[in-house]
Amino acid sequence: MSNHMIIEADGTILIKVVNFPGGEFAGESMWVEVVDGDENDGRGILRNDAVCSDLKYGDKVAYGGGNDDYKPEYIKE
């Protein structure tokens, strides 16, 4: 298991996704529940509210480009 993934007791997979938009403070990291794909590339649902953008808990997002060394990044849809 990578350092950017949590598996909850019910089997839900959460991953830390980086580089969310945010104006002056772009690059925010947030937890995303995996819905489609895996811990490196896919789609999911935000599990926290953004501090630096208008994204909210429950918003659907895409992410990609992760591997064993790098967290996946937010992909604007």
PDB file of N, CA and C in Angstrom:
ATOM      1  N   MET A   1       0.851  -1.183   0.000  1.00  0.00           N
ATOM      2  CA  MET A   1       0.000   0.000   0.000  1.00  0.00           C
ATOM      3  C   MET A   1       0.893   1.241   0.000  1.00  0.00           C
ATOM      4  N   SER A   2       0.491   2.247  -0.792  1.00  0.00           N
ATOM      5  CA  SER A   2       1.291   3.467  -0.914  1.00  0.00           C
ATOM      6  C   SER A   2       1.075   4.377   0.285  1.00  0.00           C
ATOM      7  N   ASN A   3       1.891   5.423   0.360  1.00  0.00           N
ATOM      8  CA  ASN A   3       1.783   6.370   1.467  1.00  0.00           C
ATOM      9  C   ASN A   3       0.693   7.415   1.229  1.00  0.00           C
ATOM     10  N   HIS A   4      -0.036   7.293   0.134  1.00  0.00           N
ATOM     11  CA  HIS A   4      -1.113   8.258  -0.134  1.00  0.00           C
ATOM     12  C   HIS A   4      -2.470   7.566  -0.255  1.00  0.00           C
ATOM     13  N   MET A   5      -2.603   6.411   0.394  1.00  0.00           N
ATOM     14  CA  MET A   5      -3.845   5.652   0.295  1.00  0.00           C
ATOM     15  C   MET A   5      -4.267   5.132   1.663  1.00  0.00           C
ATOM     16  N   ILE A   6      -5.584   5.171   1.901  1.00  0.00           N
ATOM     17  CA  ILE A   6      -6.180   4.608   3.112  1.00  0.00           C
ATOM     18  C   ILE A   6      -7.282   3.655   2.664  1.00  0.00           C
ATOM     19  N   ILE A   7      -7.357   2.490   3.279  1.00  0.00           N
ATOM     20  CA  ILE A   7      -8.462   1.578   3.038  1.00  0.00           C
ATOM     21  C   ILE A   7      -9.284   1.531   4.323  1.00  0.00           C
ATOM     22  N   GLU A   8     -10.534   2.020   4.237  1.00  0.00           N
ATOM     23  CA  GLU A   8     -11.405   2.053   5.404  1.00  0.00           C
ATOM     24  C   GLU A   8     -11.912   0.649   5.727  1.00  0.00           C
ATOM     25  N   ALA A   9     -12.485   0.474   6.903  1.00  0.00           N
ATOM     26  CA  ALA A   9     -12.959  -0.833   7.375  1.00  0.00           C
ATOM     27  C   ALA A   9     -13.958  -1.472   6.419  1.00  0.00           C
ATOM     28  N   ASP A  10     -14.756  -0.647   5.720  1.00  0.00           N
ATOM     29  CA  ASP A  10     -15.752  -1.191   4.791  1.00  0.00           C
ATOM     30  C   ASP A  10     -15.191  -1.453   3.395  1.00  0.00           C
ATOM     31  N   GLY A  11     -13.877  -1.244   3.220  1.00  0.00           N
ATOM     32  CA  GLY A  11     -13.230  -1.485   1.933  1.00  0.00           C
ATOM     33  C   GLY A  11     -13.131  -0.267   1.041  1.00  0.00           C
ATOM     34  N   THR A  12     -13.716   0.862   1.457  1.00  0.00           N
ATOM     35  CA  THR A  12     -13.626   2.097   0.684  1.00  0.00           C
ATOM     36  C   THR A  12     -12.170   2.541   0.601  1.00  0.00           C
ATOM     37  N   ILE A  13     -11.722   2.888  -0.611  1.00  0.00           N
ATOM     38  CA  ILE A  13     -10.343   3.333  -0.812  1.00  0.00           C
ATOM     39  C   ILE A  13     -10.323   4.849  -0.949  1.00  0.00           C
ATOM     40  N   LEU A  14      -9.498   5.501  -0.131  1.00  0.00           N
ATOM     41  CA  LEU A  14      -9.271   6.942  -0.200  1.00  0.00           C
ATOM     42  C   LEU A  14      -7.839   7.176  -0.627  1.00  0.00           C
ATOM     43  N   ILE A  15      -7.654   8.141  -1.530  1.00  0.00           N
ATOM     44  CA  ILE A  15      -6.301   8.498  -1.948  1.00  0.00           C
ATOM     45  C   ILE A  15      -6.103   9.995  -1.800  1.00  0.00           C
ATOM     46  N   LYS A  16      -4.864  10.389  -1.539  1.00  0.00           N
ATOM     47  CA  LYS A  16      -4.505  11.803  -1.449  1.00  0.00           C
ATOM     48  C   LYS A  16      -4.150  12.264  -2.855  1.00  0.00           C
ATOM     49  N   VAL A  17      -4.905  13.229  -3.370  1.00  0.00           N
ATOM     50  CA  VAL A  17      -4.694  13.782  -4.707  1.00  0.00           C
ATOM     51  C   VAL A  17      -4.152  15.203  -4.532  1.00  0.00           C
ATOM     52  N   VAL A  18      -3.154  15.571  -5.333  1.00  0.00           N
ATOM     53  CA  VAL A  18      -2.484  16.871  -5.199  1.00  0.00           C
ATOM     54  C   VAL A  18      -2.805  17.793  -6.371  1.00  0.00           C
ATOM     55  N   ASN A  19      -2.404  19.035  -6.207  1.00  0.00           N
ATOM     56  CA  ASN A  19      -2.459  20.077  -7.242  1.00  0.00           C
ATOM     57  C   ASN A  19      -3.873  20.475  -7.654  1.00  0.00           C
ATOM     58  N   PHE A  20      -4.763  20.581  -6.661  1.00  0.00           N
ATOM     59  CA  PHE A  20      -6.081  21.138  -6.942  1.00  0.00           C
ATOM     60  C   PHE A  20      -5.930  22.634  -7.178  1.00  0.00           C
ATOM     61  N   PRO A  21      -6.839  23.234  -7.964  1.00  0.00           N
ATOM     62  CA  PRO A  21      -6.737  24.670  -8.257  1.00  0.00           C
ATOM     63  C   PRO A  21      -7.006  25.492  -7.009  1.00  0.00           C
ATOM     64  N   GLY A  22      -6.555  26.730  -7.026  1.00  0.00           N
ATOM     65  CA  GLY A  22      -6.817  27.575  -5.868  1.00  0.00           C
ATOM     66  C   GLY A  22      -6.233  28.956  -5.964  1.00  0.00           C
ATOM     67  N   GLY A  23      -6.113  29.507  -7.172  1.00  0.00           N
ATOM     68  CA  GLY A  23      -5.598  30.870  -7.301  1.00  0.00           C
ATOM     69  C   GLY A  23      -4.196  30.991  -6.760  1.00  0.00           C
ATOM     70  N   GLU A  24      -4.016  31.917  -5.855  1.00  0.00           N
ATOM     71  CA  GLU A  24      -2.703  32.196  -5.275  1.00  0.00           C
ATOM     72  C   GLU A  24      -2.133  30.991  -4.523  1.00  0.00           C
ATOM     73  N   PHE A  25      -3.013  30.149  -3.998  1.00  0.00           N
ATOM     74  CA  PHE A  25      -2.578  29.003  -3.192  1.00  0.00           C
ATOM     75  C   PHE A  25      -2.823  27.680  -3.902  1.00  0.00           C
ATOM     76  N   ALA A  26      -2.704  27.663  -5.229  1.00  0.00           N
ATOM     77  CA  ALA A  26      -2.918  26.440  -6.001  1.00  0.00           C
ATOM     78  C   ALA A  26      -1.981  25.345  -5.514  1.00  0.00           C
ATOM     79  N   GLY A  27      -2.442  24.123  -5.645  1.00  0.00           N
ATOM     80  CA  GLY A  27      -1.622  22.993  -5.241  1.00  0.00           C
ATOM     81  C   GLY A  27      -2.152  22.270  -4.022  1.00  0.00           C
ATOM     82  N   GLU A  28      -3.341  22.636  -3.581  1.00  0.00           N
ATOM     83  CA  GLU A  28      -3.951  22.000  -2.410  1.00  0.00           C
ATOM     84  C   GLU A  28      -4.080  20.486  -2.620  1.00  0.00           C
ATOM     85  N   SER A  29      -3.927  19.727  -1.551  1.00  0.00           N
ATOM     86  CA  SER A  29      -4.115  18.274  -1.562  1.00  0.00           C
ATOM     87  C   SER A  29      -5.429  17.945  -0.874  1.00  0.00           C
ATOM     88  N   MET A  30      -6.145  16.941  -1.407  1.00  0.00           N
ATOM     89  CA  MET A  30      -7.405  16.542  -0.789  1.00  0.00           C
ATOM     90  C   MET A  30      -7.591  15.037  -0.898  1.00  0.00           C
ATOM     91  N   TRP A  31      -8.408  14.496   0.010  1.00  0.00           N
ATOM     92  CA  TRP A  31      -8.737  13.081  -0.018  1.00  0.00           C
ATOM     93  C   TRP A  31      -9.857  12.834  -1.001  1.00  0.00           C
ATOM     94  N   VAL A  32      -9.697  11.793  -1.815  1.00  0.00           N
ATOM     95  CA  VAL A  32     -10.677  11.419  -2.837  1.00  0.00           C
ATOM     96  C   VAL A  32     -11.025   9.944  -2.656  1.00  0.00           C
ATOM     97  N   GLU A  33     -12.328   9.644  -2.640  1.00  0.00           N
ATOM     98  CA  GLU A  33     -12.804   8.270  -2.597  1.00  0.00           C
ATOM     99  C   GLU A  33     -12.794   7.716  -4.018  1.00  0.00           C
ATOM    100  N   VAL A  34     -12.090   6.628  -4.237  1.00  0.00           N
ATOM    101  CA  VAL A  34     -11.995   6.024  -5.567  1.00  0.00           C
ATOM    102  C   VAL A  34     -13.355   5.435  -5.957  1.00  0.00           C
ATOM    103  N   VAL A  35     -13.859   5.857  -7.130  1.00  0.00           N
ATOM    104  CA  VAL A  35     -15.118   5.345  -7.659  1.00  0.00           C
ATOM    105  C   VAL A  35     -14.858   4.499  -8.897  1.00  0.00           C
ATOM    106  N   ASP A  36     -13.907   4.947  -9.717  1.00  0.00           N
ATOM    107  CA  ASP A  36     -13.575   4.257 -10.959  1.00  0.00           C
ATOM    108  C   ASP A  36     -12.075   4.384 -11.180  1.00  0.00           C
ATOM    109  N   GLY A  37     -11.396   3.284 -11.416  1.00  0.00           N
ATOM    110  CA  GLY A  37      -9.954   3.322 -11.625  1.00  0.00           C
ATOM    111  C   GLY A  37      -9.225   2.744 -10.429  1.00  0.00           C
ATOM    112  N   ASP A  38      -8.025   3.258 -10.190  1.00  0.00           N
ATOM    113  CA  ASP A  38      -7.208   2.769  -9.085  1.00  0.00           C
ATOM    114  C   ASP A  38      -6.570   3.945  -8.364  1.00  0.00           C
ATOM    115  N   GLU A  39      -5.564   3.665  -7.524  1.00  0.00           N
ATOM    116  CA  GLU A  39      -4.961   4.741  -6.733  1.00  0.00           C
ATOM    117  C   GLU A  39      -4.086   5.689  -7.543  1.00  0.00           C
ATOM    118  N   ASN A  40      -3.820   5.384  -8.800  1.00  0.00           N
ATOM    119  CA  ASN A  40      -2.964   6.235  -9.619  1.00  0.00           C
ATOM    120  C   ASN A  40      -3.711   7.026 -10.688  1.00  0.00           C
ATOM    121  N   ASP A  41      -4.768   6.474 -11.226  1.00  0.00           N
ATOM    122  CA  ASP A  41      -5.530   7.110 -12.306  1.00  0.00           C
ATOM    123  C   ASP A  41      -6.998   6.716 -12.177  1.00  0.00           C
ATOM    124  N   GLY A  42      -7.886   7.705 -12.225  1.00  0.00           N
ATOM    125  CA  GLY A  42      -9.304   7.364 -12.170  1.00  0.00           C
ATOM    126  C   GLY A  42     -10.186   8.543 -11.873  1.00  0.00           C
ATOM    127  N   ARG A  43     -11.348   8.223 -11.324  1.00  0.00           N
ATOM    128  CA  ARG A  43     -12.334   9.229 -10.942  1.00  0.00           C
ATOM    129  C   ARG A  43     -12.793   8.923  -9.526  1.00  0.00           C
ATOM    130  N   GLY A  44     -13.180   9.984  -8.820  1.00  0.00           N
ATOM    131  CA  GLY A  44     -13.626   9.778  -7.452  1.00  0.00           C
ATOM    132  C   GLY A  44     -14.442  10.929  -6.932  1.00  0.00           C
ATOM    133  N   ILE A  45     -14.746  10.851  -5.648  1.00  0.00           N
ATOM    134  CA  ILE A  45     -15.571  11.838  -4.965  1.00  0.00           C
ATOM    135  C   ILE A  45     -14.752  12.462  -3.845  1.00  0.00           C
ATOM    136  N   LEU A  46     -14.742  13.802  -3.780  1.00  0.00           N
ATOM    137  CA  LEU A  46     -14.006  14.487  -2.718  1.00  0.00           C
ATOM    138  C   LEU A  46     -14.560  14.110  -1.358  1.00  0.00           C
ATOM    139  N   ARG A  47     -13.663  13.852  -0.415  1.00  0.00           N
ATOM    140  CA  ARG A  47     -14.061  13.495   0.937  1.00  0.00           C
ATOM    141  C   ARG A  47     -13.704  14.577   1.941  1.00  0.00           C
ATOM    142  N   ASN A  48     -13.367  15.765   1.461  1.00  0.00           N
ATOM    143  CA  ASN A  48     -13.190  16.914   2.338  1.00  0.00           C
ATOM    144  C   ASN A  48     -13.489  18.180   1.534  1.00  0.00           C
ATOM    145  N   ASP A  49     -13.709  19.293   2.227  1.00  0.00           N
ATOM    146  CA  ASP A  49     -13.941  20.571   1.554  1.00  0.00           C
ATOM    147  C   ASP A  49     -12.611  21.235   1.251  1.00  0.00           C
ATOM    148  N   ALA A  50     -12.560  21.922   0.115  1.00  0.00           N
ATOM    149  CA  ALA A  50     -11.360  22.664  -0.261  1.00  0.00           C
ATOM    150  C   ALA A  50     -11.259  23.947   0.566  1.00  0.00           C
ATOM    151  N   VAL A  51     -10.057  24.371   0.823  1.00  0.00           N
ATOM    152  CA  VAL A  51      -9.810  25.635   1.497  1.00  0.00           C
ATOM    153  C   VAL A  51      -9.534  26.720   0.456  1.00  0.00           C
ATOM    154  N   CYS A  52      -8.913  26.334  -0.668  1.00  0.00           N
ATOM    155  CA  CYS A  52      -8.412  27.302  -1.645  1.00  0.00           C
ATOM    156  C   CYS A  52      -9.217  27.372  -2.942  1.00  0.00           C
ATOM    157  N   SER A  53     -10.347  26.676  -3.033  1.00  0.00           N
ATOM    158  CA  SER A  53     -11.150  26.735  -4.258  1.00  0.00           C
ATOM    159  C   SER A  53     -12.619  26.530  -3.907  1.00  0.00           C
ATOM    160  N   ASP A  54     -13.453  26.500  -4.919  1.00  0.00           N
ATOM    161  CA  ASP A  54     -14.886  26.312  -4.714  1.00  0.00           C
ATOM    162  C   ASP A  54     -15.299  24.846  -4.670  1.00  0.00           C
ATOM    163  N   LEU A  55     -14.358  23.925  -4.770  1.00  0.00           N
ATOM    164  CA  LEU A  55     -14.690  22.504  -4.708  1.00  0.00           C
ATOM    165  C   LEU A  55     -15.223  22.159  -3.324  1.00  0.00           C
ATOM    166  N   LYS A  56     -16.165  21.205  -3.286  1.00  0.00           N
ATOM    167  CA  LYS A  56     -16.813  20.858  -2.028  1.00  0.00           C
ATOM    168  C   LYS A  56     -16.866  19.343  -1.824  1.00  0.00           C
ATOM    169  N   TYR A  57     -17.037  18.947  -0.585  1.00  0.00           N
ATOM    170  CA  TYR A  57     -17.226  17.550  -0.221  1.00  0.00           C
ATOM    171  C   TYR A  57     -18.301  16.962  -1.121  1.00  0.00           C
ATOM    172  N   GLY A  58     -18.014  15.824  -1.738  1.00  0.00           N
ATOM    173  CA  GLY A  58     -18.981  15.157  -2.602  1.00  0.00           C
ATOM    174  C   GLY A  58     -18.840  15.465  -4.074  1.00  0.00           C
ATOM    175  N   ASP A  59     -18.044  16.485  -4.443  1.00  0.00           N
ATOM    176  CA  ASP A  59     -17.833  16.795  -5.859  1.00  0.00           C
ATOM    177  C   ASP A  59     -17.094  15.645  -6.535  1.00  0.00           C
ATOM    178  N   LYS A  60     -17.444  15.393  -7.787  1.00  0.00           N
ATOM    179  CA  LYS A  60     -16.764  14.365  -8.575  1.00  0.00           C
ATOM    180  C   LYS A  60     -15.553  14.982  -9.256  1.00  0.00           C
ATOM    181  N   VAL A  61     -14.426  14.267  -9.214  1.00  0.00           N
ATOM    182  CA  VAL A  61     -13.180  14.756  -9.803  1.00  0.00           C
ATOM    183  C   VAL A  61     -12.463  13.623 -10.526  1.00  0.00           C
ATOM    184  N   ALA A  62     -11.558  14.006 -11.423  1.00  0.00           N
ATOM    185  CA  ALA A  62     -10.673  13.048 -12.093  1.00  0.00           C
ATOM    186  C   ALA A  62      -9.253  13.300 -11.592  1.00  0.00           C
ATOM    187  N   TYR A  63      -8.443  12.233 -11.605  1.00  0.00           N
ATOM    188  CA  TYR A  63      -7.050  12.346 -11.169  1.00  0.00           C
ATOM    189  C   TYR A  63      -6.202  11.385 -11.991  1.00  0.00           C
ATOM    190  N   GLY A  64      -4.899  11.624 -12.016  1.00  0.00           N
ATOM    191  CA  GLY A  64      -4.029  10.735 -12.773  1.00  0.00           C
ATOM    192  C   GLY A  64      -2.567  11.050 -12.556  1.00  0.00           C
ATOM    193  N   GLY A  65      -1.723  10.200 -13.149  1.00  0.00           N
ATOM    194  CA  GLY A  65      -0.288  10.417 -13.115  1.00  0.00           C
ATOM    195  C   GLY A  65       0.409   9.941 -11.863  1.00  0.00           C
ATOM    196  N   GLY A  66      -0.284   9.213 -11.000  1.00  0.00           N
ATOM    197  CA  GLY A  66       0.353   8.727  -9.777  1.00  0.00           C
ATOM    198  C   GLY A  66       1.163   7.470 -10.022  1.00  0.00           C
ATOM    199  N   ASN A  67       2.085   7.193  -9.111  1.00  0.00           N
ATOM    200  CA  ASN A  67       2.844   5.941  -9.128  1.00  0.00           C
ATOM    201  C   ASN A  67       3.353   5.680  -7.712  1.00  0.00           C
ATOM    202  N   ASP A  68       4.244   4.743  -7.538  1.00  0.00           N
ATOM    203  CA  ASP A  68       4.728   4.407  -6.201  1.00  0.00           C
ATOM    204  C   ASP A  68       5.461   5.562  -5.523  1.00  0.00           C
ATOM    205  N   ASP A  69       5.989   6.493  -6.318  1.00  0.00           N
ATOM    206  CA  ASP A  69       6.754   7.601  -5.756  1.00  0.00           C
ATOM    207  C   ASP A  69       6.005   8.924  -5.713  1.00  0.00           C
ATOM    208  N   TYR A  70       4.987   9.093  -6.560  1.00  0.00           N
ATOM    209  CA  TYR A  70       4.288  10.376  -6.659  1.00  0.00           C
ATOM    210  C   TYR A  70       2.773  10.207  -6.515  1.00  0.00           C
ATOM    211  N   LYS A  71       2.180  11.116  -5.766  1.00  0.00           N
ATOM    212  CA  LYS A  71       0.729  11.108  -5.602  1.00  0.00           C
ATOM    213  C   LYS A  71       0.075  11.500  -6.916  1.00  0.00           C
ATOM    214  N   PRO A  72      -1.129  11.016  -7.184  1.00  0.00           N
ATOM    215  CA  PRO A  72      -1.840  11.428  -8.392  1.00  0.00           C
ATOM    216  C   PRO A  72      -2.233  12.902  -8.310  1.00  0.00           C
ATOM    217  N   GLU A  73      -2.398  13.521  -9.475  1.00  0.00           N
ATOM    218  CA  GLU A  73      -2.756  14.930  -9.548  1.00  0.00           C
ATOM    219  C   GLU A  73      -4.195  15.096 -10.044  1.00  0.00           C
ATOM    220  N   TYR A  74      -4.797  16.178  -9.602  1.00  0.00           N
ATOM    221  CA  TYR A  74      -6.129  16.578 -10.058  1.00  0.00           C
ATOM    222  C   TYR A  74      -6.084  16.829 -11.558  1.00  0.00           C
ATOM    223  N   ILE A  75      -7.113  16.347 -12.268  1.00  0.00           N
ATOM    224  CA  ILE A  75      -7.238  16.600 -13.703  1.00  0.00           C
ATOM    225  C   ILE A  75      -8.541  17.355 -13.911  1.00  0.00           C
ATOM    226  N   LYS A  76      -8.444  18.520 -14.467  1.00  0.00           N
ATOM    227  CA  LYS A  76      -9.655  19.311 -14.742  1.00  0.00           C
ATOM    228  C   LYS A  76     -10.436  18.645 -15.854  1.00  0.00           C
ATOM    229  N   GLU A  77     -11.728  18.438 -15.637  1.00  0.00           N
ATOM    230  CA  GLU A  77     -12.579  17.797 -16.644  1.00  0.00           C
ATOM    231  C   GLU A  77     -13.259  18.826 -17.506  1.00  0.00           C
TER     232      GLU A  77
END
